[in-house]
N, C-alpha and C. Protein backbone atom coordinates (compact mmCIF):
# COMPACT_ATOMS: atom_id res chain seq x y z
N MET A 1 123.62 222.85 6.59
CA MET A 1 123.18 222.26 5.34
C MET A 1 121.72 221.88 5.48
N GLN A 2 120.93 222.28 4.56
CA GLN A 2 119.51 221.98 4.57
C GLN A 2 119.28 220.54 4.10
N GLY A 3 118.13 220.01 4.45
CA GLY A 3 117.78 218.67 4.00
C GLY A 3 117.70 218.58 2.49
N SER A 4 117.27 219.67 1.86
CA SER A 4 117.18 219.66 0.40
C SER A 4 118.56 219.60 -0.24
N ASP A 5 119.58 220.18 0.42
CA ASP A 5 120.94 220.11 -0.10
C ASP A 5 121.46 218.67 -0.07
N VAL A 6 121.20 217.98 1.02
CA VAL A 6 121.62 216.59 1.12
C VAL A 6 120.87 215.75 0.09
N ASP A 7 119.59 216.02 -0.08
CA ASP A 7 118.82 215.30 -1.09
C ASP A 7 119.35 215.57 -2.50
N MET A 8 119.77 216.81 -2.74
CA MET A 8 120.32 217.15 -4.04
C MET A 8 121.62 216.38 -4.29
N LEU A 9 122.48 216.30 -3.27
CA LEU A 9 123.72 215.53 -3.41
C LEU A 9 123.42 214.06 -3.65
N ALA A 10 122.44 213.53 -2.94
CA ALA A 10 122.08 212.12 -3.10
C ALA A 10 121.51 211.86 -4.49
N GLN A 11 120.69 212.78 -4.99
CA GLN A 11 120.13 212.61 -6.33
C GLN A 11 121.22 212.66 -7.40
N ARG A 12 122.23 213.50 -7.17
CA ARG A 12 123.33 213.58 -8.13
C ARG A 12 124.12 212.26 -8.14
N ILE A 13 124.35 211.68 -6.96
CA ILE A 13 125.05 210.39 -6.89
C ILE A 13 124.18 209.29 -7.51
N GLU A 14 122.87 209.33 -7.26
CA GLU A 14 121.97 208.35 -7.86
C GLU A 14 122.03 208.41 -9.39
N ALA A 15 122.02 209.62 -9.93
CA ALA A 15 122.06 209.78 -11.38
C ALA A 15 123.38 209.26 -11.95
N LEU A 16 124.48 209.54 -11.26
CA LEU A 16 125.78 209.05 -11.72
C LEU A 16 125.85 207.52 -11.65
N MET A 17 125.28 206.94 -10.60
CA MET A 17 125.28 205.49 -10.49
C MET A 17 124.43 204.86 -11.59
N ALA A 18 123.31 205.50 -11.90
CA ALA A 18 122.46 204.97 -12.97
C ALA A 18 123.17 205.07 -14.32
N GLN A 19 123.90 206.15 -14.53
CA GLN A 19 124.57 206.36 -15.80
C GLN A 19 125.81 205.49 -15.95
N LYS A 20 126.64 205.46 -14.92
CA LYS A 20 127.92 204.76 -15.03
C LYS A 20 127.84 203.26 -14.75
N LEU A 21 127.03 202.88 -13.75
CA LEU A 21 126.97 201.47 -13.36
C LEU A 21 125.75 200.75 -13.91
N ARG A 22 124.81 201.51 -14.48
CA ARG A 22 123.57 200.95 -15.02
C ARG A 22 122.83 200.13 -13.97
N VAL A 23 122.65 200.71 -12.79
CA VAL A 23 121.90 200.04 -11.74
C VAL A 23 120.61 200.80 -11.48
N GLY A 24 119.56 200.05 -11.26
CA GLY A 24 118.29 200.65 -10.90
C GLY A 24 118.06 200.47 -9.41
N GLY A 25 116.93 200.88 -8.97
CA GLY A 25 116.61 200.74 -7.57
C GLY A 25 115.90 201.97 -7.07
N LYS A 26 115.22 201.80 -5.98
CA LYS A 26 114.48 202.92 -5.41
C LYS A 26 115.38 203.63 -4.41
N GLY A 27 115.79 204.82 -4.75
CA GLY A 27 116.64 205.60 -3.85
C GLY A 27 118.09 205.16 -3.91
N LEU A 28 118.88 205.85 -3.14
CA LEU A 28 120.31 205.59 -3.12
C LEU A 28 120.62 204.24 -2.48
N ARG A 29 119.87 203.89 -1.45
CA ARG A 29 120.08 202.60 -0.78
C ARG A 29 119.79 201.44 -1.74
N GLY A 30 118.74 201.55 -2.52
CA GLY A 30 118.40 200.50 -3.47
C GLY A 30 119.43 200.37 -4.57
N ARG A 31 119.93 201.49 -5.05
CA ARG A 31 120.96 201.44 -6.09
C ARG A 31 122.26 200.84 -5.55
N LEU A 32 122.59 201.18 -4.31
CA LEU A 32 123.79 200.62 -3.71
C LEU A 32 123.66 199.12 -3.54
N LYS A 33 122.48 198.68 -3.15
CA LYS A 33 122.25 197.24 -2.99
C LYS A 33 122.34 196.53 -4.33
N ARG A 34 121.79 197.14 -5.37
CA ARG A 34 121.84 196.53 -6.71
C ARG A 34 123.25 196.51 -7.29
N ALA A 35 124.05 197.51 -6.94
CA ALA A 35 125.41 197.57 -7.47
C ALA A 35 126.27 196.44 -6.93
N GLY A 36 125.99 196.03 -5.71
CA GLY A 36 126.67 194.87 -5.13
C GLY A 36 128.18 195.03 -5.06
N ARG A 37 128.86 194.01 -5.55
CA ARG A 37 130.32 193.98 -5.42
C ARG A 37 131.04 194.80 -6.49
N ARG A 38 130.29 195.44 -7.36
CA ARG A 38 130.93 196.31 -8.35
C ARG A 38 131.46 197.58 -7.71
N VAL A 39 130.99 197.88 -6.49
CA VAL A 39 131.39 199.09 -5.78
C VAL A 39 132.36 198.69 -4.68
N PRO A 40 133.56 199.31 -4.64
CA PRO A 40 134.54 198.98 -3.58
C PRO A 40 133.99 199.33 -2.20
N GLY A 41 134.57 198.71 -1.20
CA GLY A 41 134.11 198.90 0.17
C GLY A 41 134.19 200.33 0.66
N TRP A 42 135.26 201.02 0.31
CA TRP A 42 135.41 202.39 0.79
C TRP A 42 134.40 203.32 0.14
N ILE A 43 133.98 203.01 -1.07
CA ILE A 43 132.93 203.80 -1.72
C ILE A 43 131.57 203.45 -1.12
N ARG A 44 131.36 202.17 -0.82
CA ARG A 44 130.12 201.76 -0.16
C ARG A 44 129.96 202.50 1.18
N HIS A 45 131.08 202.64 1.89
CA HIS A 45 131.04 203.35 3.18
C HIS A 45 130.67 204.81 2.97
N ASP A 46 131.23 205.45 1.95
CA ASP A 46 130.91 206.85 1.67
C ASP A 46 129.46 207.03 1.25
N ILE A 47 128.96 206.09 0.45
CA ILE A 47 127.55 206.17 0.04
C ILE A 47 126.65 205.95 1.25
N GLN A 48 127.05 205.05 2.14
CA GLN A 48 126.27 204.83 3.35
C GLN A 48 126.28 206.08 4.23
N THR A 49 127.39 206.81 4.25
CA THR A 49 127.45 208.08 4.98
C THR A 49 126.43 209.06 4.41
N LEU A 50 126.32 209.10 3.11
CA LEU A 50 125.36 209.99 2.46
C LEU A 50 123.91 209.56 2.76
N ILE A 51 123.67 208.25 2.78
CA ILE A 51 122.33 207.74 3.11
C ILE A 51 121.96 208.12 4.54
N ASP A 52 122.92 207.94 5.46
CA ASP A 52 122.67 208.32 6.86
C ASP A 52 122.42 209.81 6.99
N ALA A 53 123.18 210.62 6.25
CA ALA A 53 123.00 212.07 6.30
C ALA A 53 121.62 212.45 5.77
N GLN A 54 121.15 211.73 4.77
CA GLN A 54 119.81 211.99 4.23
C GLN A 54 118.75 211.75 5.30
N GLN A 55 118.91 210.68 6.05
CA GLN A 55 117.95 210.37 7.11
C GLN A 55 118.02 211.40 8.24
N ILE A 56 119.22 211.81 8.62
CA ILE A 56 119.37 212.81 9.68
C ILE A 56 118.82 214.15 9.24
N ALA A 57 119.07 214.52 7.99
CA ALA A 57 118.61 215.82 7.49
C ALA A 57 117.09 215.89 7.42
N ALA A 58 116.43 214.76 7.35
CA ALA A 58 114.97 214.75 7.29
C ALA A 58 114.34 215.06 8.64
N HIS A 59 115.12 214.90 9.70
CA HIS A 59 114.61 215.17 11.05
C HIS A 59 115.01 216.58 11.47
N PRO A 60 114.06 217.43 11.84
CA PRO A 60 114.36 218.84 12.11
C PRO A 60 115.38 219.09 13.22
N LYS A 61 115.29 218.36 14.31
CA LYS A 61 116.22 218.61 15.41
C LYS A 61 117.58 217.96 15.18
N LEU A 62 117.57 216.77 14.59
CA LEU A 62 118.83 216.08 14.34
C LEU A 62 119.63 216.72 13.21
N SER A 63 118.95 217.44 12.33
CA SER A 63 119.65 218.01 11.18
C SER A 63 120.72 219.02 11.61
N ARG A 64 120.58 219.59 12.80
CA ARG A 64 121.60 220.52 13.28
C ARG A 64 122.90 219.80 13.65
N GLN A 65 122.84 218.51 13.88
CA GLN A 65 124.02 217.74 14.25
C GLN A 65 124.77 217.20 13.03
N LEU A 66 124.25 217.46 11.87
CA LEU A 66 124.83 216.92 10.65
C LEU A 66 126.19 217.57 10.36
N ASP A 67 127.19 216.75 10.12
CA ASP A 67 128.52 217.23 9.79
C ASP A 67 128.60 217.48 8.29
N ILE A 68 128.58 218.72 7.91
CA ILE A 68 128.51 219.12 6.51
C ILE A 68 129.76 218.70 5.74
N GLU A 69 130.90 218.92 6.35
CA GLU A 69 132.17 218.65 5.65
C GLU A 69 132.34 217.15 5.37
N THR A 70 131.91 216.32 6.29
CA THR A 70 132.01 214.88 6.07
C THR A 70 131.13 214.45 4.90
N VAL A 71 129.94 215.00 4.84
CA VAL A 71 129.02 214.64 3.75
C VAL A 71 129.57 215.13 2.41
N LYS A 72 130.09 216.34 2.38
CA LYS A 72 130.65 216.86 1.13
C LYS A 72 131.88 216.07 0.70
N ALA A 73 132.72 215.70 1.66
CA ALA A 73 133.92 214.93 1.32
C ALA A 73 133.54 213.55 0.79
N ALA A 74 132.56 212.91 1.44
CA ALA A 74 132.12 211.59 0.97
C ALA A 74 131.52 211.69 -0.42
N THR A 75 130.72 212.71 -0.66
CA THR A 75 130.11 212.90 -1.97
C THR A 75 131.19 213.13 -3.03
N SER A 76 132.18 213.92 -2.68
CA SER A 76 133.26 214.20 -3.63
C SER A 76 134.03 212.93 -3.98
N ARG A 77 134.33 212.10 -2.97
CA ARG A 77 135.06 210.85 -3.24
C ARG A 77 134.24 209.92 -4.13
N VAL A 78 132.94 209.83 -3.87
CA VAL A 78 132.08 208.96 -4.68
C VAL A 78 132.02 209.48 -6.12
N GLU A 79 131.86 210.79 -6.28
CA GLU A 79 131.81 211.36 -7.63
C GLU A 79 133.12 211.13 -8.37
N ASP A 80 134.25 211.30 -7.67
CA ASP A 80 135.55 211.07 -8.31
C ASP A 80 135.70 209.62 -8.76
N TRP A 81 135.26 208.68 -7.91
CA TRP A 81 135.37 207.27 -8.28
C TRP A 81 134.44 206.95 -9.44
N LEU A 82 133.21 207.47 -9.41
CA LEU A 82 132.27 207.20 -10.50
C LEU A 82 132.75 207.80 -11.81
N ALA A 83 133.51 208.88 -11.75
CA ALA A 83 134.05 209.48 -12.97
C ALA A 83 135.07 208.56 -13.62
N THR A 84 135.73 207.71 -12.84
CA THR A 84 136.75 206.81 -13.39
C THR A 84 136.18 205.50 -13.91
N VAL A 85 134.92 205.23 -13.63
CA VAL A 85 134.30 203.96 -14.05
C VAL A 85 134.12 203.98 -15.56
N ASP A 86 134.61 202.92 -16.20
CA ASP A 86 134.48 202.78 -17.65
C ASP A 86 133.72 201.48 -17.92
N ARG A 87 132.49 201.61 -18.39
CA ARG A 87 131.65 200.42 -18.60
C ARG A 87 132.24 199.50 -19.65
N ASN A 88 132.79 200.06 -20.72
CA ASN A 88 133.33 199.20 -21.78
C ASN A 88 134.52 198.39 -21.27
N LYS A 89 135.39 199.00 -20.49
CA LYS A 89 136.53 198.28 -19.94
C LYS A 89 136.06 197.18 -19.00
N ALA A 90 135.06 197.47 -18.19
CA ALA A 90 134.53 196.46 -17.27
C ALA A 90 133.92 195.30 -18.04
N ARG A 91 133.23 195.60 -19.13
CA ARG A 91 132.63 194.55 -19.95
C ARG A 91 133.71 193.68 -20.59
N ILE A 92 134.77 194.31 -21.10
CA ILE A 92 135.86 193.56 -21.71
C ILE A 92 136.58 192.72 -20.66
N ASP A 93 136.81 193.28 -19.47
CA ASP A 93 137.47 192.52 -18.40
C ASP A 93 136.64 191.30 -18.00
N MET A 94 135.33 191.45 -17.94
CA MET A 94 134.47 190.33 -17.58
C MET A 94 134.53 189.25 -18.66
N ALA A 95 134.47 189.66 -19.93
CA ALA A 95 134.53 188.70 -21.03
C ALA A 95 135.87 187.95 -21.03
N LEU A 96 136.96 188.67 -20.80
CA LEU A 96 138.27 188.03 -20.76
C LEU A 96 138.39 187.08 -19.58
N SER A 97 137.79 187.44 -18.48
CA SER A 97 137.80 186.56 -17.31
C SER A 97 137.06 185.26 -17.60
N ILE A 98 135.92 185.37 -18.24
CA ILE A 98 135.15 184.17 -18.59
C ILE A 98 135.92 183.32 -19.60
N LEU A 99 136.49 183.96 -20.61
CA LEU A 99 137.26 183.22 -21.61
C LEU A 99 138.49 182.56 -20.99
N GLY A 100 139.12 183.22 -20.04
CA GLY A 100 140.27 182.62 -19.36
C GLY A 100 139.88 181.37 -18.60
N GLY A 101 138.73 181.43 -17.91
CA GLY A 101 138.25 180.26 -17.19
C GLY A 101 137.92 179.11 -18.11
N VAL A 102 137.31 179.42 -19.25
CA VAL A 102 136.98 178.39 -20.23
C VAL A 102 138.26 177.78 -20.82
N ALA A 103 139.25 178.62 -21.10
CA ALA A 103 140.51 178.14 -21.66
C ALA A 103 141.22 177.20 -20.69
N ILE A 104 141.22 177.56 -19.43
CA ILE A 104 141.86 176.68 -18.44
C ILE A 104 141.11 175.36 -18.35
N SER A 105 139.81 175.39 -18.39
CA SER A 105 139.02 174.15 -18.34
C SER A 105 139.31 173.27 -19.55
N VAL A 106 139.42 173.86 -20.71
CA VAL A 106 139.71 173.08 -21.93
C VAL A 106 141.09 172.45 -21.83
N VAL A 107 142.07 173.18 -21.33
CA VAL A 107 143.42 172.63 -21.19
C VAL A 107 143.42 171.48 -20.20
N VAL A 108 142.72 171.61 -19.09
CA VAL A 108 142.67 170.55 -18.09
C VAL A 108 141.99 169.31 -18.66
N VAL A 109 140.88 169.48 -19.35
CA VAL A 109 140.18 168.33 -19.94
C VAL A 109 141.04 167.66 -21.00
N PHE A 110 141.71 168.44 -21.84
CA PHE A 110 142.57 167.87 -22.87
C PHE A 110 143.74 167.10 -22.24
N THR A 111 144.32 167.66 -21.18
CA THR A 111 145.43 166.98 -20.50
C THR A 111 144.95 165.67 -19.88
N LEU A 112 143.78 165.68 -19.26
CA LEU A 112 143.23 164.44 -18.70
C LEU A 112 142.94 163.41 -19.79
N LEU A 113 142.43 163.88 -20.94
CA LEU A 113 142.15 162.97 -22.04
C LEU A 113 143.43 162.31 -22.54
N ILE A 114 144.47 163.09 -22.72
CA ILE A 114 145.76 162.54 -23.16
C ILE A 114 146.30 161.57 -22.11
N GLY A 115 146.16 161.92 -20.84
CA GLY A 115 146.63 161.04 -19.76
C GLY A 115 145.90 159.72 -19.75
N VAL A 116 144.58 159.75 -19.90
CA VAL A 116 143.80 158.51 -19.92
C VAL A 116 144.14 157.67 -21.14
N LEU A 117 144.27 158.32 -22.30
CA LEU A 117 144.63 157.56 -23.51
C LEU A 117 146.01 156.93 -23.38
N ALA A 118 146.95 157.64 -22.77
CA ALA A 118 148.29 157.07 -22.57
C ALA A 118 148.25 155.95 -21.56
N TRP A 119 147.47 156.08 -20.53
CA TRP A 119 147.34 155.07 -19.48
C TRP A 119 146.72 153.80 -20.05
N ARG A 120 145.75 153.95 -20.92
CA ARG A 120 145.07 152.79 -21.51
C ARG A 120 145.87 152.16 -22.65
N GLY A 121 146.93 152.85 -23.08
CA GLY A 121 147.80 152.27 -24.10
C GLY A 121 147.40 152.61 -25.52
N PHE A 122 146.52 153.57 -25.71
CA PHE A 122 146.12 153.95 -27.05
C PHE A 122 147.10 154.92 -27.69
N ILE A 123 147.95 155.49 -26.88
CA ILE A 123 148.95 156.42 -27.45
C ILE A 123 150.33 155.84 -27.26
């Protein structure tokens, strides 16, 4: 595998991350850092494999040691996972999570208010 092939795979993953996750950054490493916890650990590992392959492919002598099948498999897994990412669903899940937290807080405060009023004899 030539260094340009690895770069092409990395650019394809970068473009998918920009499109699906809306993350910016310089290079694949920067995008991975910006994505943070939105990316599962096993995908982070595969992206790191691709980053390492990019560095190895840039070196003329080390590029012969590059395991092509591992890089292709990692790229395939990342592409498959990115194909399943739905930004609208993630946005709705985040909004529901926030609303759930607010609802629990309101219930706790209301319960404490009723408890204090009952304790003080106003109810």
